Amino acid sequence: MAVKLNKKAFDHAKELIKDSKFVLDSRDDWSEHAPSTQDQNKFLDRKGSAEYSAWFLGIDDEHPEGQKGHYKFPYGDFKRIHRCAVISAESRASQYDYDDIRRALGDLLQQLDEH
């Protein structure tokens, strides 16, 4: 799997933090706060893959652009960045040795924790 950092999403996440559009939730809250498959499909259908991709820090080039499998490491609920999502994604990125994504997530977590 060739997964790389989605710089557009990283910039989007930093803007959300700058605009105070974040939730400082607990580490284990992501399972409850993550958008459902139905919510993801609705967002993708309404907004298209360009806006959808802005909510995922990883891009998997083994899947075609526009397919949900192309996008990895979600960090929010399509409205706000969630601290719990960043922590969860950082752990997964570390587990799979996606160092550029892990570093980006660490940077986001640090910015969130400064608030």
C-alpha atoms as a PDB file:
ATOM      1  CA  MET A   1       0.000   0.000   0.000  1.00  0.00           C
ATOM      2  CA  ALA A   2       1.417   3.352  -1.007  1.00  0.00           C
ATOM      3  CA  VAL A   3      -0.123   5.843   1.382  1.00  0.00           C
ATOM      4  CA  LYS A   4       1.188   9.396   1.444  1.00  0.00           C
ATOM      5  CA  LEU A   5       0.382  12.599   3.286  1.00  0.00           C
ATOM      6  CA  ASN A   6      -2.533  14.606   1.904  1.00  0.00           C
ATOM      7  CA  LYS A   7      -1.079  18.113   2.212  1.00  0.00           C
ATOM      8  CA  LYS A   8      -4.401  19.722   1.279  1.00  0.00           C
ATOM      9  CA  ALA A   9      -6.066  17.974   4.229  1.00  0.00           C
ATOM     10  CA  PHE A  10      -3.193  18.905   6.547  1.00  0.00           C
ATOM     11  CA  ASP A  11      -3.607  22.572   5.603  1.00  0.00           C
ATOM     12  CA  HIS A  12      -7.385  22.270   6.041  1.00  0.00           C
ATOM     13  CA  ALA A  13      -6.942  20.792   9.530  1.00  0.00           C
ATOM     14  CA  LYS A  14      -4.592  23.617  10.541  1.00  0.00           C
ATOM     15  CA  GLU A  15      -7.157  26.170   9.323  1.00  0.00           C
ATOM     16  CA  LEU A  16      -9.890  24.478  11.356  1.00  0.00           C
ATOM     17  CA  ILE A  17      -7.731  24.749  14.473  1.00  0.00           C
ATOM     18  CA  LYS A  18      -6.915  28.371  13.699  1.00  0.00           C
ATOM     19  CA  ASP A  19     -10.665  29.067  13.330  1.00  0.00           C
ATOM     20  CA  SER A  20     -11.425  27.239  16.620  1.00  0.00           C
ATOM     21  CA  LYS A  21     -13.416  24.544  14.822  1.00  0.00           C
ATOM     22  CA  PHE A  22     -12.312  21.630  16.966  1.00  0.00           C
ATOM     23  CA  VAL A  23     -13.468  19.340  19.740  1.00  0.00           C
ATOM     24  CA  LEU A  24     -11.079  18.598  22.602  1.00  0.00           C
ATOM     25  CA  ASP A  25     -12.514  15.179  23.326  1.00  0.00           C
ATOM     26  CA  SER A  26     -10.942  12.179  25.019  1.00  0.00           C
ATOM     27  CA  ARG A  27      -8.764   9.549  23.395  1.00  0.00           C
ATOM     28  CA  ASP A  28     -11.430   6.832  23.206  1.00  0.00           C
ATOM     29  CA  ASP A  29     -14.291   9.008  21.925  1.00  0.00           C
ATOM     30  CA  TRP A  30     -13.620   8.558  18.205  1.00  0.00           C
ATOM     31  CA  SER A  31     -15.749   5.408  17.903  1.00  0.00           C
ATOM     32  CA  GLU A  32     -18.731   7.508  19.003  1.00  0.00           C
ATOM     33  CA  HIS A  33     -17.812  10.739  17.192  1.00  0.00           C
ATOM     34  CA  ALA A  34     -16.715   9.318  13.832  1.00  0.00           C
ATOM     35  CA  PRO A  35     -19.125   9.888  10.949  1.00  0.00           C
ATOM     36  CA  SER A  36     -21.137   6.788  10.093  1.00  0.00           C
ATOM     37  CA  THR A  37     -20.744   5.121   6.720  1.00  0.00           C
ATOM     38  CA  GLN A  38     -24.083   6.662   5.767  1.00  0.00           C
ATOM     39  CA  ASP A  39     -22.867  10.141   6.788  1.00  0.00           C
ATOM     40  CA  GLN A  40     -19.670   9.647   4.800  1.00  0.00           C
ATOM     41  CA  ASN A  41     -21.625   8.570   1.714  1.00  0.00           C
ATOM     42  CA  LYS A  42     -23.996  11.538   2.004  1.00  0.00           C
ATOM     43  CA  PHE A  43     -21.101  13.986   2.353  1.00  0.00           C
ATOM     44  CA  LEU A  44     -19.278  12.456  -0.606  1.00  0.00           C
ATOM     45  CA  ASP A  45     -22.430  12.562  -2.761  1.00  0.00           C
ATOM     46  CA  ARG A  46     -23.251  16.169  -1.794  1.00  0.00           C
ATOM     47  CA  LYS A  47     -19.793  17.708  -1.745  1.00  0.00           C
ATOM     48  CA  GLY A  48     -17.750  15.509  -4.073  1.00  0.00           C
ATOM     49  CA  SER A  49     -14.382  13.867  -3.664  1.00  0.00           C
ATOM     50  CA  ALA A  50     -12.380  17.132  -3.522  1.00  0.00           C
ATOM     51  CA  GLU A  51     -14.103  18.299  -0.322  1.00  0.00           C
ATOM     52  CA  TYR A  52     -14.327  14.769   1.044  1.00  0.00           C
ATOM     53  CA  SER A  53     -10.582  14.289   0.653  1.00  0.00           C
ATOM     54  CA  ALA A  54      -9.883  17.386   2.758  1.00  0.00           C
ATOM     55  CA  TRP A  55     -10.958  15.386   5.833  1.00  0.00           C
ATOM     56  CA  PHE A  56      -8.377  12.592   5.427  1.00  0.00           C
ATOM     57  CA  LEU A  57      -4.643  12.991   6.030  1.00  0.00           C
ATOM     58  CA  GLY A  58      -3.685   9.976   3.935  1.00  0.00           C
ATOM     59  CA  ILE A  59      -4.082   9.207   0.245  1.00  0.00           C
ATOM     60  CA  ASP A  60      -3.770   5.610  -0.927  1.00  0.00           C
ATOM     61  CA  ASP A  61      -2.766   5.531  -4.579  1.00  0.00           C
ATOM     62  CA  GLU A  62      -3.657   1.840  -4.850  1.00  0.00           C
ATOM     63  CA  HIS A  63      -7.322   2.914  -4.934  1.00  0.00           C
ATOM     64  CA  PRO A  64      -8.731   5.245  -7.595  1.00  0.00           C
ATOM     65  CA  GLU A  65      -9.338   8.878  -6.680  1.00  0.00           C
ATOM     66  CA  GLY A  66     -12.973   9.441  -5.788  1.00  0.00           C
ATOM     67  CA  GLN A  67     -13.396   6.045  -4.140  1.00  0.00           C
ATOM     68  CA  LYS A  68     -13.611   6.011  -0.362  1.00  0.00           C
ATOM     69  CA  GLY A  69     -10.690   3.557  -0.150  1.00  0.00           C
ATOM     70  CA  HIS A  70      -8.428   6.224  -1.638  1.00  0.00           C
ATOM     71  CA  TYR A  71      -8.724   8.281   1.569  1.00  0.00           C
ATOM     72  CA  LYS A  72      -7.193   7.211   4.898  1.00  0.00           C
ATOM     73  CA  PHE A  73      -6.708   8.684   8.371  1.00  0.00           C
ATOM     74  CA  PRO A  74      -9.841  10.761   9.008  1.00  0.00           C
ATOM     75  CA  TYR A  75      -9.461  13.533  11.562  1.00  0.00           C
ATOM     76  CA  GLY A  76     -12.935  15.008  11.920  1.00  0.00           C
ATOM     77  CA  ASP A  77     -16.685  14.839  11.437  1.00  0.00           C
ATOM     78  CA  PHE A  78     -16.910  17.030   8.270  1.00  0.00           C
ATOM     79  CA  LYS A  79     -17.516  20.081  10.478  1.00  0.00           C
ATOM     80  CA  ARG A  80     -14.760  20.072  13.109  1.00  0.00           C
ATOM     81  CA  ILE A  81     -11.459  18.401  13.826  1.00  0.00           C
ATOM     82  CA  HIS A  82     -11.642  15.966  16.748  1.00  0.00           C
ATOM     83  CA  ARG A  83      -8.713  15.448  19.099  1.00  0.00           C
ATOM     84  CA  CYS A  84      -9.730  11.803  19.537  1.00  0.00           C
ATOM     85  CA  ALA A  85      -9.550  11.246  15.757  1.00  0.00           C
ATOM     86  CA  VAL A  86      -6.078  12.774  15.604  1.00  0.00           C
ATOM     87  CA  ILE A  87      -4.864  10.531  18.433  1.00  0.00           C
ATOM     88  CA  SER A  88      -6.391   7.434  16.828  1.00  0.00           C
ATOM     89  CA  ALA A  89      -4.938   8.247  13.421  1.00  0.00           C
ATOM     90  CA  GLU A  90      -1.512   9.037  14.874  1.00  0.00           C
ATOM     91  CA  SER A  91      -1.435   5.619  16.540  1.00  0.00           C
ATOM     92  CA  ARG A  92      -2.401   3.856  13.289  1.00  0.00           C
ATOM     93  CA  ALA A  93       0.098   5.849  11.225  1.00  0.00           C
ATOM     94  CA  SER A  94       2.847   4.897  13.657  1.00  0.00           C
ATOM     95  CA  GLN A  95       1.789   1.248  13.577  1.00  0.00           C
ATOM     96  CA  TYR A  96       2.112   1.153   9.769  1.00  0.00           C
ATOM     97  CA  ASP A  97       5.274   3.303   9.584  1.00  0.00           C
ATOM     98  CA  TYR A  98       3.662   6.218   7.733  1.00  0.00           C
ATOM     99  CA  ASP A  99       6.118   8.651   9.244  1.00  0.00           C
ATOM    100  CA  ASP A 100       5.078  11.761   7.294  1.00  0.00           C
ATOM    101  CA  ILE A 101       1.440  11.255   8.299  1.00  0.00           C
ATOM    102  CA  ARG A 102       2.393  10.479  11.910  1.00  0.00           C
ATOM    103  CA  ARG A 103       4.462  13.672  12.118  1.00  0.00           C
ATOM    104  CA  ALA A 104       1.612  15.745  10.649  1.00  0.00           C
ATOM    105  CA  LEU A 105      -0.822  14.260  13.150  1.00  0.00           C
ATOM    106  CA  GLY A 106       1.619  14.909  15.986  1.00  0.00           C
ATOM    107  CA  ASP A 107       1.820  18.531  14.879  1.00  0.00           C
ATOM    108  CA  LEU A 108      -1.983  18.812  14.850  1.00  0.00           C
ATOM    109  CA  LEU A 109      -2.223  17.204  18.280  1.00  0.00           C
ATOM    110  CA  GLN A 110       0.308  19.660  19.665  1.00  0.00           C
ATOM    111  CA  GLN A 111      -1.676  22.581  18.223  1.00  0.00           C
ATOM    112  CA  LEU A 112      -4.895  21.220  19.719  1.00  0.00           C
ATOM    113  CA  ASP A 113      -3.298  20.665  23.119  1.00  0.00           C
ATOM    114  CA  GLU A 114      -2.131  24.274  23.187  1.00  0.00           C
ATOM    115  CA  HIS A 115      -5.803  25.367  23.334  1.00  0.00           C
END
